[in-house]
Amino acid sequence: MKAIVATGQFLGKYFSLFVLAAAAVGYFQPSLITWVLPYINYLLGIIMFGMGMTLKKTDFADVFKRPKDVIVGVCAHYLIMPLVAFVLCYAFRLPPAVAVGVILVGCCPSGTASNVMCFLAKGDVALGVSVGAVSTLIAPVMLPLMLWLLAGHWVKIPTASLFVSVVEIVIVPIVLGVLVNTFFGKKVHKVTQALPLVSTVAIILIAGGVVAASNKNGDLLTASTLIIIPVVMLHNLLGYALGFLFSRLLGMNHPKSRAITFEVGMQNSALGVALAMAFFSPMAAIPATLFSIWHNMSGSLLASFWASKQKSETKMPNAEAVTTQ
């Protein structure tokens, strides 16, 4: 079991590099990884089951202890990211197939990695977990609704089918994970230690499969697709900035604002990939794939910056105390 945990930590540490490697395999040798495409929904279900296994009663209790903070976080998430995506699609004049993918990412619930980044950044982890849990639980309604409102004039949005799919591949696995953890927590403790490894491998495989499917005609790296890279970067960075600003304007302290920042800026991009592949096109899944790579890199950098800033701020009073004595 120690080897499995260590392998999971290693893959997590160099996650972005492994995703890029899988993408390279998908681009240059697509036949090696296209086998994963029929299993994307199942892989995402495993990831969501793992998320459910990490949730505890206290995570849901916190929602009722401070509902205002949670509501602010959830509202910020479902307002900022979809609207920023919509504006970027118009600003960069993205083709419909790509635009729906960008907006789809913006309409997804918070990403599971946001809680890790919040912890590293010395943010309010309990608030982050609660916001992430609520944004995920209401995703079957919010995702189809926001996507229909913002992307419906580009392509037809199958709202009812999207609702059913989100329930099947997100809500059901999470609920099962919560139930297993609640009733069999001690018995399955060793199994839960392997879940980070399984989730990481699943996302890496999904990324490679999406690139392989998108490059079927050898036209992935064109001017119209390369423009997705700066769009994805701006989408994520503006999400961080506006999430932080929004929470500070509403009077939240720094730890709370850091939590909201990550919950807004980091998306469940794996869900975006699965839905894009199921209802739209492989090209629509490219924004979510790139987002998965980029938001882990940017989130790590932002978390490191805030953590180092926190250390320097806590040292300052001690230094002042020494000089005054």
C-alpha atoms as a PDB file:
ATOM      1  CA  MET A   1       0.000   0.000   0.000  1.00  0.00           C
ATOM      2  CA  LYS A   2       2.897   2.365   0.706  1.00  0.00           C
ATOM      3  CA  ALA A   3       4.079   1.902  -2.874  1.00  0.00           C
ATOM      4  CA  ILE A   4       0.623   2.778  -4.204  1.00  0.00           C
ATOM      5  CA  VAL A   5       0.425   5.911  -2.043  1.00  0.00           C
ATOM      6  CA  ALA A   6       3.940   6.959  -3.060  1.00  0.00           C
ATOM      7  CA  THR A   7       3.121   6.429  -6.736  1.00  0.00           C
ATOM      8  CA  GLY A   8      -0.017   8.522  -6.363  1.00  0.00           C
ATOM      9  CA  GLN A   9       1.952  11.329  -4.728  1.00  0.00           C
ATOM     10  CA  PHE A  10       4.574  11.176  -7.479  1.00  0.00           C
ATOM     11  CA  LEU A  11       1.970  11.381 -10.243  1.00  0.00           C
ATOM     12  CA  GLY A  12       0.200  14.191  -8.401  1.00  0.00           C
ATOM     13  CA  LYS A  13       3.421  16.166  -8.017  1.00  0.00           C
ATOM     14  CA  TYR A  14       4.205  15.964 -11.727  1.00  0.00           C
ATOM     15  CA  PHE A  15       0.579  15.795 -12.848  1.00  0.00           C
ATOM     16  CA  SER A  16       0.830  18.476 -15.539  1.00  0.00           C
ATOM     17  CA  LEU A  17       3.865  16.803 -17.115  1.00  0.00           C
ATOM     18  CA  PHE A  18       2.106  13.446 -17.269  1.00  0.00           C
ATOM     19  CA  VAL A  19      -0.984  15.043 -18.819  1.00  0.00           C
ATOM     20  CA  LEU A  20       1.213  16.709 -21.438  1.00  0.00           C
ATOM     21  CA  ALA A  21       2.915  13.372 -22.113  1.00  0.00           C
ATOM     22  CA  ALA A  22      -0.458  11.671 -22.572  1.00  0.00           C
ATOM     23  CA  ALA A  23      -1.526  14.488 -24.889  1.00  0.00           C
ATOM     24  CA  ALA A  24       1.660  13.973 -26.933  1.00  0.00           C
ATOM     25  CA  VAL A  25       0.880  10.263 -27.240  1.00  0.00           C
ATOM     26  CA  GLY A  26      -2.658  11.125 -28.326  1.00  0.00           C
ATOM     27  CA  TYR A  27      -1.332  13.521 -30.955  1.00  0.00           C
ATOM     28  CA  PHE A  28       1.528  11.467 -32.423  1.00  0.00           C
ATOM     29  CA  GLN A  29       0.310   7.898 -31.741  1.00  0.00           C
ATOM     30  CA  PRO A  30      -3.483   8.138 -31.321  1.00  0.00           C
ATOM     31  CA  SER A  31      -4.023   4.408 -31.846  1.00  0.00           C
ATOM     32  CA  LEU A  32      -2.267   3.738 -28.523  1.00  0.00           C
ATOM     33  CA  ILE A  33      -4.834   5.601 -26.439  1.00  0.00           C
ATOM     34  CA  THR A  34      -8.138   5.871 -28.331  1.00  0.00           C
ATOM     35  CA  TRP A  35      -9.270   2.718 -26.511  1.00  0.00           C
ATOM     36  CA  VAL A  36     -10.030   4.908 -23.492  1.00  0.00           C
ATOM     37  CA  LEU A  37     -12.759   6.964 -25.247  1.00  0.00           C
ATOM     38  CA  PRO A  38     -15.722   4.588 -24.592  1.00  0.00           C
ATOM     39  CA  TYR A  39     -14.792   4.495 -20.902  1.00  0.00           C
ATOM     40  CA  ILE A  40     -14.544   8.250 -20.180  1.00  0.00           C
ATOM     41  CA  ASN A  41     -17.844   8.400 -18.274  1.00  0.00           C
ATOM     42  CA  TYR A  42     -16.877   5.384 -16.178  1.00  0.00           C
ATOM     43  CA  LEU A  43     -13.486   6.901 -15.373  1.00  0.00           C
ATOM     44  CA  LEU A  44     -15.132  10.159 -14.328  1.00  0.00           C
ATOM     45  CA  GLY A  45     -17.570   8.181 -12.182  1.00  0.00           C
ATOM     46  CA  ILE A  46     -14.598   6.595 -10.386  1.00  0.00           C
ATOM     47  CA  ILE A  47     -13.121  10.073  -9.785  1.00  0.00           C
ATOM     48  CA  MET A  48     -16.428  11.327  -8.367  1.00  0.00           C
ATOM     49  CA  PHE A  49     -16.777   8.207  -6.195  1.00  0.00           C
ATOM     50  CA  GLY A  50     -13.336   9.001  -4.780  1.00  0.00           C
ATOM     51  CA  MET A  51     -14.475  12.555  -4.065  1.00  0.00           C
ATOM     52  CA  GLY A  52     -17.518  11.195  -2.215  1.00  0.00           C
ATOM     53  CA  MET A  53     -15.265   8.951  -0.132  1.00  0.00           C
ATOM     54  CA  THR A  54     -13.415  12.032   1.161  1.00  0.00           C
ATOM     55  CA  LEU A  55     -16.556  13.909   2.238  1.00  0.00           C
ATOM     56  CA  LYS A  56     -17.657  13.815   5.876  1.00  0.00           C
ATOM     57  CA  LYS A  57     -20.746  14.853   7.821  1.00  0.00           C
ATOM     58  CA  THR A  58     -18.931  17.959   9.020  1.00  0.00           C
ATOM     59  CA  ASP A  59     -18.497  19.135   5.425  1.00  0.00           C
ATOM     60  CA  PHE A  60     -22.269  19.328   5.018  1.00  0.00           C
ATOM     61  CA  ALA A  61     -22.876  20.611   8.550  1.00  0.00           C
ATOM     62  CA  ASP A  62     -20.665  23.614   7.783  1.00  0.00           C
ATOM     63  CA  VAL A  63     -23.127  24.657   5.066  1.00  0.00           C
ATOM     64  CA  PHE A  64     -25.778  25.261   7.733  1.00  0.00           C
ATOM     65  CA  LYS A  65     -23.389  26.812  10.255  1.00  0.00           C
ATOM     66  CA  ARG A  66     -22.448  29.672   7.923  1.00  0.00           C
ATOM     67  CA  PRO A  67     -24.849  29.628   4.963  1.00  0.00           C
ATOM     68  CA  LYS A  68     -24.019  33.204   3.921  1.00  0.00           C
ATOM     69  CA  ASP A  69     -20.381  32.384   3.154  1.00  0.00           C
ATOM     70  CA  VAL A  70     -21.308  29.232   1.236  1.00  0.00           C
ATOM     71  CA  ILE A  71     -24.014  31.020  -0.770  1.00  0.00           C
ATOM     72  CA  VAL A  72     -21.556  33.783  -1.667  1.00  0.00           C
ATOM     73  CA  GLY A  73     -19.034  31.204  -2.882  1.00  0.00           C
ATOM     74  CA  VAL A  74     -21.539  29.211  -4.932  1.00  0.00           C
ATOM     75  CA  CYS A  75     -23.064  32.359  -6.485  1.00  0.00           C
ATOM     76  CA  ALA A  76     -19.599  33.667  -7.337  1.00  0.00           C
ATOM     77  CA  HIS A  77     -18.732  30.362  -8.973  1.00  0.00           C
ATOM     78  CA  TYR A  78     -21.820  30.084 -11.171  1.00  0.00           C
ATOM     79  CA  LEU A  79     -21.836  33.777 -12.120  1.00  0.00           C
ATOM     80  CA  ILE A  80     -18.172  34.597 -12.721  1.00  0.00           C
ATOM     81  CA  MET A  81     -16.864  31.593 -14.648  1.00  0.00           C
ATOM     82  CA  PRO A  82     -19.773  31.214 -17.127  1.00  0.00           C
ATOM     83  CA  LEU A  83     -19.932  34.957 -17.843  1.00  0.00           C
ATOM     84  CA  VAL A  84     -16.153  35.294 -18.253  1.00  0.00           C
ATOM     85  CA  ALA A  85     -16.244  32.349 -20.680  1.00  0.00           C
ATOM     86  CA  PHE A  86     -19.050  34.005 -22.655  1.00  0.00           C
ATOM     87  CA  VAL A  87     -17.168  37.310 -22.936  1.00  0.00           C
ATOM     88  CA  LEU A  88     -13.932  35.579 -23.985  1.00  0.00           C
ATOM     89  CA  CYS A  89     -15.721  33.627 -26.711  1.00  0.00           C
ATOM     90  CA  TYR A  90     -16.971  36.869 -28.236  1.00  0.00           C
ATOM     91  CA  ALA A  91     -13.720  38.762 -27.695  1.00  0.00           C
ATOM     92  CA  PHE A  92     -11.669  36.077 -29.472  1.00  0.00           C
ATOM     93  CA  ARG A  93     -14.416  35.263 -32.016  1.00  0.00           C
ATOM     94  CA  LEU A  94     -14.170  31.559 -31.353  1.00  0.00           C
ATOM     95  CA  PRO A  95     -15.874  29.104 -33.711  1.00  0.00           C
ATOM     96  CA  PRO A  96     -19.070  27.543 -32.296  1.00  0.00           C
ATOM     97  CA  ALA A  97     -17.513  24.090 -31.702  1.00  0.00           C
ATOM     98  CA  VAL A  98     -14.795  25.660 -29.539  1.00  0.00           C
ATOM     99  CA  ALA A  99     -17.012  28.314 -27.919  1.00  0.00           C
ATOM    100  CA  VAL A 100     -19.434  25.747 -26.519  1.00  0.00           C
ATOM    101  CA  GLY A 101     -16.458  23.900 -25.017  1.00  0.00           C
ATOM    102  CA  VAL A 102     -15.129  27.046 -23.311  1.00  0.00           C
ATOM    103  CA  ILE A 103     -18.547  27.929 -21.882  1.00  0.00           C
ATOM    104  CA  LEU A 104     -19.068  24.308 -20.826  1.00  0.00           C
ATOM    105  CA  VAL A 105     -15.904  24.508 -18.708  1.00  0.00           C
ATOM    106  CA  GLY A 106     -17.195  27.731 -17.169  1.00  0.00           C
ATOM    107  CA  CYS A 107     -20.488  26.067 -16.237  1.00  0.00           C
ATOM    108  CA  CYS A 108     -18.886  23.060 -14.512  1.00  0.00           C
ATOM    109  CA  PRO A 109     -18.777  22.821 -10.693  1.00  0.00           C
ATOM    110  CA  SER A 110     -15.624  23.443  -8.680  1.00  0.00           C
ATOM    111  CA  GLY A 111     -12.643  21.176  -9.271  1.00  0.00           C
ATOM    112  CA  THR A 112     -11.557  18.659  -6.649  1.00  0.00           C
ATOM    113  CA  ALA A 113      -7.990  20.025  -6.681  1.00  0.00           C
ATOM    114  CA  SER A 114      -9.227  23.387  -5.363  1.00  0.00           C
ATOM    115  CA  ASN A 115      -9.372  22.042  -1.802  1.00  0.00           C
ATOM    116  CA  VAL A 116      -5.736  20.966  -1.958  1.00  0.00           C
ATOM    117  CA  MET A 117      -4.678  24.392  -3.237  1.00  0.00           C
ATOM    118  CA  CYS A 118      -6.757  26.088  -0.543  1.00  0.00           C
ATOM    119  CA  PHE A 119      -4.997  24.036   2.134  1.00  0.00           C
ATOM    120  CA  LEU A 120      -1.555  24.887   0.740  1.00  0.00           C
ATOM    121  CA  ALA A 121      -2.475  28.584   0.551  1.00  0.00           C
ATOM    122  CA  LYS A 122      -3.570  28.679   4.220  1.00  0.00           C
ATOM    123  CA  GLY A 123      -7.139  29.360   3.174  1.00  0.00           C
ATOM    124  CA  ASP A 124     -10.400  28.410   4.872  1.00  0.00           C
ATOM    125  CA  VAL A 125     -10.454  24.741   3.814  1.00  0.00           C
ATOM    126  CA  ALA A 126     -13.796  23.979   5.502  1.00  0.00           C
ATOM    127  CA  LEU A 127     -15.462  26.762   3.504  1.00  0.00           C
ATOM    128  CA  GLY A 128     -13.788  25.590   0.296  1.00  0.00           C
ATOM    129  CA  VAL A 129     -14.987  22.011   0.784  1.00  0.00           C
ATOM    130  CA  SER A 130     -18.539  23.197   1.504  1.00  0.00           C
ATOM    131  CA  VAL A 131     -18.675  25.474  -1.534  1.00  0.00           C
ATOM    132  CA  GLY A 132     -17.245  22.734  -3.744  1.00  0.00           C
ATOM    133  CA  ALA A 133     -19.732  20.166  -2.429  1.00  0.00           C
ATOM    134  CA  VAL A 134     -22.744  22.445  -2.927  1.00  0.00           C
ATOM    135  CA  SER A 135     -21.636  23.585  -6.402  1.00  0.00           C
ATOM    136  CA  THR A 136     -21.325  19.914  -7.367  1.00  0.00           C
ATOM    137  CA  LEU A 137     -24.680  18.859  -5.890  1.00  0.00           C
ATOM    138  CA  ILE A 138     -26.573  21.605  -7.768  1.00  0.00           C
ATOM    139  CA  ALA A 139     -24.617  21.032 -10.991  1.00  0.00           C
ATOM    140  CA  PRO A 140     -27.386  18.900 -12.613  1.00  0.00           C
ATOM    141  CA  VAL A 141     -29.562  22.035 -12.658  1.00  0.00           C
ATOM    142  CA  MET A 142     -27.033  24.868 -12.947  1.00  0.00           C
ATOM    143  CA  LEU A 143     -24.799  23.392 -15.657  1.00  0.00           C
ATOM    144  CA  PRO A 144     -27.508  22.745 -18.292  1.00  0.00           C
ATOM    145  CA  LEU A 145     -29.285  26.010 -17.431  1.00  0.00           C
ATOM    146  CA  MET A 146     -26.218  28.252 -17.725  1.00  0.00           C
ATOM    147  CA  LEU A 147     -24.990  26.433 -20.833  1.00  0.00           C
ATOM    148  CA  TRP A 148     -28.397  26.862 -22.491  1.00  0.00           C
ATOM    149  CA  LEU A 149     -28.514  30.569 -21.623  1.00  0.00           C
ATOM    150  CA  LEU A 150     -24.984  31.384 -22.805  1.00  0.00           C
ATOM    151  CA  ALA A 151     -24.280  28.917 -25.622  1.00  0.00           C
ATOM    152  CA  GLY A 152     -27.753  28.081 -26.885  1.00  0.00           C
ATOM    153  CA  HIS A 153     -27.513  30.522 -29.802  1.00  0.00           C
ATOM    154  CA  TRP A 154     -24.399  28.707 -31.114  1.00  0.00           C
ATOM    155  CA  VAL A 155     -25.498  25.088 -30.822  1.00  0.00           C
ATOM    156  CA  LYS A 156     -28.553  23.178 -29.624  1.00  0.00           C
ATOM    157  CA  ILE A 157     -28.207  22.376 -25.930  1.00  0.00           C
ATOM    158  CA  PRO A 158     -29.822  19.066 -24.829  1.00  0.00           C
ATOM    159  CA  THR A 159     -30.678  20.317 -21.334  1.00  0.00           C
ATOM    160  CA  ALA A 160     -32.693  17.276 -20.222  1.00  0.00           C
ATOM    161  CA  SER A 161     -30.035  14.814 -21.371  1.00  0.00           C
ATOM    162  CA  LEU A 162     -27.309  16.890 -19.728  1.00  0.00           C
ATOM    163  CA  PHE A 163     -29.259  16.851 -16.451  1.00  0.00           C
ATOM    164  CA  VAL A 164     -29.534  13.059 -16.538  1.00  0.00           C
ATOM    165  CA  SER A 165     -25.861  12.603 -17.461  1.00  0.00           C
ATOM    166  CA  VAL A 166     -24.599  14.859 -14.659  1.00  0.00           C
ATOM    167  CA  VAL A 167     -26.754  12.972 -12.160  1.00  0.00           C
ATOM    168  CA  GLU A 168     -25.464   9.612 -13.441  1.00  0.00           C
ATOM    169  CA  ILE A 169     -21.745  10.386 -13.652  1.00  0.00           C
ATOM    170  CA  VAL A 170     -21.419  12.890 -10.786  1.00  0.00           C
ATOM    171  CA  ILE A 171     -24.202  12.788  -8.196  1.00  0.00           C
ATOM    172  CA  VAL A 172     -24.776   9.018  -8.013  1.00  0.00           C
ATOM    173  CA  PRO A 173     -21.047   8.143  -7.592  1.00  0.00           C
ATOM    174  CA  ILE A 174     -20.577  10.901  -4.996  1.00  0.00           C
ATOM    175  CA  VAL A 175     -23.594   9.734  -2.982  1.00  0.00           C
ATOM    176  CA  LEU A 176     -22.349   6.138  -3.144  1.00  0.00           C
ATOM    177  CA  GLY A 177     -18.905   7.308  -1.996  1.00  0.00           C
ATOM    178  CA  VAL A 178     -20.397   9.199   0.937  1.00  0.00           C
ATOM    179  CA  LEU A 179     -22.503   6.176   1.945  1.00  0.00           C
ATOM    180  CA  VAL A 180     -19.569   3.770   1.745  1.00  0.00           C
ATOM    181  CA  ASN A 181     -17.392   6.133   3.766  1.00  0.00           C
ATOM    182  CA  THR A 182     -20.153   6.611   6.350  1.00  0.00           C
ATOM    183  CA  PHE A 183     -20.999   2.962   6.945  1.00  0.00           C
ATOM    184  CA  PHE A 184     -17.763   1.178   6.052  1.00  0.00           C
ATOM    185  CA  GLY A 185     -15.161   3.893   6.630  1.00  0.00           C
ATOM    186  CA  LYS A 186     -12.748   1.867   8.782  1.00  0.00           C
ATOM    187  CA  LYS A 187     -13.075  -1.276   6.681  1.00  0.00           C
ATOM    188  CA  VAL A 188     -12.266   0.471   3.400  1.00  0.00           C
ATOM    189  CA  HIS A 189      -9.599   2.819   4.759  1.00  0.00           C
ATOM    190  CA  LYS A 190      -6.808   1.088   2.853  1.00  0.00           C
ATOM    191  CA  VAL A 191      -8.808   1.271  -0.370  1.00  0.00           C
ATOM    192  CA  THR A 192      -9.284   5.021   0.007  1.00  0.00           C
ATOM    193  CA  GLN A 193      -5.505   5.463   0.090  1.00  0.00           C
ATOM    194  CA  ALA A 194      -5.353   4.198  -3.490  1.00  0.00           C
ATOM    195  CA  LEU A 195      -8.069   6.549  -4.783  1.00  0.00           C
ATOM    196  CA  PRO A 196      -5.749   9.528  -5.489  1.00  0.00           C
ATOM    197  CA  LEU A 197      -3.634   7.296  -7.733  1.00  0.00           C
ATOM    198  CA  VAL A 198      -6.689   5.906  -9.538  1.00  0.00           C
ATOM    199  CA  SER A 199      -8.178   9.409 -10.047  1.00  0.00           C
ATOM    200  CA  THR A 200      -4.903  10.843 -11.331  1.00  0.00           C
ATOM    201  CA  VAL A 201      -4.368   7.991 -13.805  1.00  0.00           C
ATOM    202  CA  ALA A 202      -7.974   8.364 -14.987  1.00  0.00           C
ATOM    203  CA  ILE A 203      -7.560  12.081 -15.747  1.00  0.00           C
ATOM    204  CA  ILE A 204      -4.250  11.463 -17.544  1.00  0.00           C
ATOM    205  CA  LEU A 205      -5.849   8.780 -19.740  1.00  0.00           C
ATOM    206  CA  ILE A 206      -8.868  10.983 -20.483  1.00  0.00           C
ATOM    207  CA  ALA A 207      -6.597  13.844 -21.589  1.00  0.00           C
ATOM    208  CA  GLY A 208      -4.687  11.604 -23.994  1.00  0.00           C
ATOM    209  CA  GLY A 209      -7.882  10.116 -25.410  1.00  0.00           C
ATOM    210  CA  VAL A 210      -9.439  13.529 -26.048  1.00  0.00           C
ATOM    211  CA  VAL A 211      -6.380  14.774 -27.926  1.00  0.00           C
ATOM    212  CA  ALA A 212      -6.341  11.591 -30.017  1.00  0.00           C
ATOM    213  CA  ALA A 213     -10.021  11.998 -30.921  1.00  0.00           C
ATOM    214  CA  SER A 214      -9.625  15.725 -31.681  1.00  0.00           C
ATOM    215  CA  ASN A 215      -6.682  15.110 -33.995  1.00  0.00           C
ATOM    216  CA  LYS A 216      -8.455  12.457 -36.017  1.00  0.00           C
ATOM    217  CA  ASN A 217      -8.069  14.471 -39.218  1.00  0.00           C
ATOM    218  CA  GLY A 218      -4.631  15.854 -38.320  1.00  0.00           C
ATOM    219  CA  ASP A 219      -5.946  19.416 -37.961  1.00  0.00           C
ATOM    220  CA  LEU A 220      -5.657  19.913 -34.206  1.00  0.00           C
ATOM    221  CA  LEU A 221      -2.782  22.423 -34.302  1.00  0.00           C
ATOM    222  CA  THR A 222      -4.303  25.160 -36.435  1.00  0.00           C
ATOM    223  CA  ALA A 223      -4.680  28.903 -35.870  1.00  0.00           C
ATOM    224  CA  SER A 224      -8.318  28.452 -34.800  1.00  0.00           C
ATOM    225  CA  THR A 225      -7.405  25.858 -32.174  1.00  0.00           C
ATOM    226  CA  LEU A 226      -4.154  27.334 -30.872  1.00  0.00           C
ATOM    227  CA  ILE A 227      -6.123  30.435 -29.848  1.00  0.00           C
ATOM    228  CA  ILE A 228      -7.784  28.208 -27.213  1.00  0.00           C
ATOM    229  CA  ILE A 229      -4.586  28.284 -25.133  1.00  0.00           C
ATOM    230  CA  PRO A 230      -4.662  32.013 -24.200  1.00  0.00           C
ATOM    231  CA  VAL A 231      -8.443  31.837 -23.807  1.00  0.00           C
ATOM    232  CA  VAL A 232      -8.137  29.019 -21.261  1.00  0.00           C
ATOM    233  CA  MET A 233      -5.367  30.839 -19.386  1.00  0.00           C
ATOM    234  CA  LEU A 234      -7.346  34.080 -19.224  1.00  0.00           C
ATOM    235  CA  HIS A 235     -10.501  32.249 -18.179  1.00  0.00           C
ATOM    236  CA  ASN A 236      -8.727  30.689 -15.220  1.00  0.00           C
ATOM    237  CA  LEU A 237      -6.773  33.801 -14.171  1.00  0.00           C
ATOM    238  CA  LEU A 238      -9.788  36.094 -14.423  1.00  0.00           C
ATOM    239  CA  GLY A 239     -11.728  33.574 -12.346  1.00  0.00           C
ATOM    240  CA  TYR A 240      -9.104  33.820  -9.604  1.00  0.00           C
ATOM    241  CA  ALA A 241      -8.981  37.624  -9.738  1.00  0.00           C
ATOM    242  CA  LEU A 242     -12.736  38.217  -9.829  1.00  0.00           C
ATOM    243  CA  GLY A 243     -13.409  35.527  -7.226  1.00  0.00           C
ATOM    244  CA  PHE A 244     -10.985  37.167  -4.810  1.00  0.00           C
ATOM    245  CA  LEU A 245     -12.300  40.669  -5.546  1.00  0.00           C
ATOM    246  CA  PHE A 246     -15.936  39.575  -5.218  1.00  0.00           C
ATOM    247  CA  SER A 247     -15.368  37.962  -1.822  1.00  0.00           C
ATOM    248  CA  ARG A 248     -13.314  40.880  -0.486  1.00  0.00           C
ATOM    249  CA  LEU A 249     -15.958  43.390  -1.575  1.00  0.00           C
ATOM    250  CA  LEU A 250     -18.490  41.401   0.452  1.00  0.00           C
ATOM    251  CA  GLY A 251     -16.314  41.710   3.555  1.00  0.00           C
ATOM    252  CA  MET A 252     -14.717  38.273   3.715  1.00  0.00           C
ATOM    253  CA  ASN A 253     -11.338  37.941   5.427  1.00  0.00           C
ATOM    254  CA  HIS A 254      -8.236  36.690   3.603  1.00  0.00           C
ATOM    255  CA  PRO A 255      -8.543  32.963   4.462  1.00  0.00           C
ATOM    256  CA  LYS A 256     -12.164  32.931   3.262  1.00  0.00           C
ATOM    257  CA  SER A 257     -11.302  34.928   0.144  1.00  0.00           C
ATOM    258  CA  ARG A 258      -8.515  32.510  -0.723  1.00  0.00           C
ATOM    259  CA  ALA A 259     -10.963  29.626  -0.481  1.00  0.00           C
ATOM    260  CA  ILE A 260     -13.463  31.396  -2.737  1.00  0.00           C
ATOM    261  CA  THR A 261     -10.684  32.263  -5.188  1.00  0.00           C
ATOM    262  CA  PHE A 262      -9.799  28.612  -5.772  1.00  0.00           C
ATOM    263  CA  GLU A 263     -13.418  27.437  -5.775  1.00  0.00           C
ATOM    264  CA  VAL A 264     -14.238  29.975  -8.485  1.00  0.00           C
ATOM    265  CA  GLY A 265     -11.123  29.691 -10.645  1.00  0.00           C
ATOM    266  CA  MET A 266     -10.645  25.900 -10.615  1.00  0.00           C
ATOM    267  CA  GLN A 267     -13.223  23.813 -12.472  1.00  0.00           C
ATOM    268  CA  ASN A 268     -14.163  20.146 -12.684  1.00  0.00           C
ATOM    269  CA  SER A 269     -12.626  20.017 -16.142  1.00  0.00           C
ATOM    270  CA  ALA A 270     -12.867  16.204 -16.300  1.00  0.00           C
ATOM    271  CA  LEU A 271     -16.649  16.587 -16.238  1.00  0.00           C
ATOM    272  CA  GLY A 272     -16.360  19.142 -19.040  1.00  0.00           C
ATOM    273  CA  VAL A 273     -14.404  16.651 -21.114  1.00  0.00           C
ATOM    274  CA  ALA A 274     -16.931  13.849 -20.558  1.00  0.00           C
ATOM    275  CA  LEU A 275     -19.944  16.009 -21.436  1.00  0.00           C
ATOM    276  CA  ALA A 276     -18.256  17.570 -24.479  1.00  0.00           C
ATOM    277  CA  MET A 277     -17.401  14.127 -25.855  1.00  0.00           C
ATOM    278  CA  ALA A 278     -20.900  12.796 -25.168  1.00  0.00           C
ATOM    279  CA  PHE A 279     -23.002  15.695 -26.472  1.00  0.00           C
ATOM    280  CA  PHE A 280     -20.868  17.884 -28.735  1.00  0.00           C
ATOM    281  CA  SER A 281     -17.533  17.058 -30.388  1.00  0.00           C
ATOM    282  CA  PRO A 282     -13.922  16.151 -29.565  1.00  0.00           C
ATOM    283  CA  MET A 283     -12.962  19.739 -30.416  1.00  0.00           C
ATOM    284  CA  ALA A 284     -15.361  21.000 -27.736  1.00  0.00           C
ATOM    285  CA  ALA A 285     -13.448  18.866 -25.223  1.00  0.00           C
ATOM    286  CA  ILE A 286     -10.081  20.536 -25.945  1.00  0.00           C
ATOM    287  CA  PRO A 287     -10.742  23.636 -23.736  1.00  0.00           C
ATOM    288  CA  ALA A 288     -11.516  21.388 -20.761  1.00  0.00           C
ATOM    289  CA  THR A 289      -8.418  19.279 -21.418  1.00  0.00           C
ATOM    290  CA  LEU A 290      -6.177  22.356 -21.551  1.00  0.00           C
ATOM    291  CA  PHE A 291      -7.918  23.804 -18.508  1.00  0.00           C
ATOM    292  CA  SER A 292      -7.082  20.642 -16.561  1.00  0.00           C
ATOM    293  CA  ILE A 293      -3.389  21.144 -17.301  1.00  0.00           C
ATOM    294  CA  TRP A 294      -3.266  24.892 -16.781  1.00  0.00           C
ATOM    295  CA  HIS A 295      -5.363  25.329 -13.625  1.00  0.00           C
ATOM    296  CA  ASN A 296      -3.234  22.816 -11.730  1.00  0.00           C
ATOM    297  CA  MET A 297      -0.095  24.759 -12.693  1.00  0.00           C
ATOM    298  CA  SER A 298      -1.558  28.201 -11.936  1.00  0.00           C
ATOM    299  CA  GLY A 299      -3.251  26.958  -8.759  1.00  0.00           C
ATOM    300  CA  SER A 300       0.016  25.558  -7.440  1.00  0.00           C
ATOM    301  CA  LEU A 301       1.826  28.829  -8.147  1.00  0.00           C
ATOM    302  CA  LEU A 302      -0.879  30.938  -6.499  1.00  0.00           C
ATOM    303  CA  ALA A 303      -1.027  28.625  -3.476  1.00  0.00           C
ATOM    304  CA  SER A 304       2.768  28.788  -3.090  1.00  0.00           C
ATOM    305  CA  PHE A 305       2.705  32.589  -3.319  1.00  0.00           C
ATOM    306  CA  TRP A 306       0.013  32.928  -0.649  1.00  0.00           C
ATOM    307  CA  ALA A 307       1.692  30.372   1.611  1.00  0.00           C
ATOM    308  CA  SER A 308       5.019  32.217   1.446  1.00  0.00           C
ATOM    309  CA  LYS A 309       3.251  35.537   2.015  1.00  0.00           C
ATOM    310  CA  GLN A 310       1.520  34.093   5.081  1.00  0.00           C
ATOM    311  CA  LYS A 311       4.866  32.962   6.512  1.00  0.00           C
ATOM    312  CA  SER A 312       6.449  36.382   6.003  1.00  0.00           C
ATOM    313  CA  GLU A 313       3.447  38.117   7.616  1.00  0.00           C
ATOM    314  CA  THR A 314       3.542  35.862  10.676  1.00  0.00           C
ATOM    315  CA  LYS A 315       7.277  36.473  11.114  1.00  0.00           C
ATOM    316  CA  MET A 316       6.963  40.266  11.027  1.00  0.00           C
ATOM    317  CA  PRO A 317       5.265  40.740  14.441  1.00  0.00           C
ATOM    318  CA  ASN A 318       7.915  38.547  16.099  1.00  0.00           C
ATOM    319  CA  ALA A 319      10.672  40.599  14.510  1.00  0.00           C
ATOM    320  CA  GLU A 320       9.031  43.797  15.697  1.00  0.00           C
ATOM    321  CA  ALA A 321       8.686  42.381  19.204  1.00  0.00           C
ATOM    322  CA  VAL A 322      12.386  41.561  19.321  1.00  0.00           C
ATOM    323  CA  THR A 323      13.394  45.065  18.222  1.00  0.00           C
ATOM    324  CA  THR A 324      11.172  46.737  20.814  1.00  0.00           C
ATOM    325  CA  GLN A 325      12.389  44.667  23.744  1.00  0.00           C
END
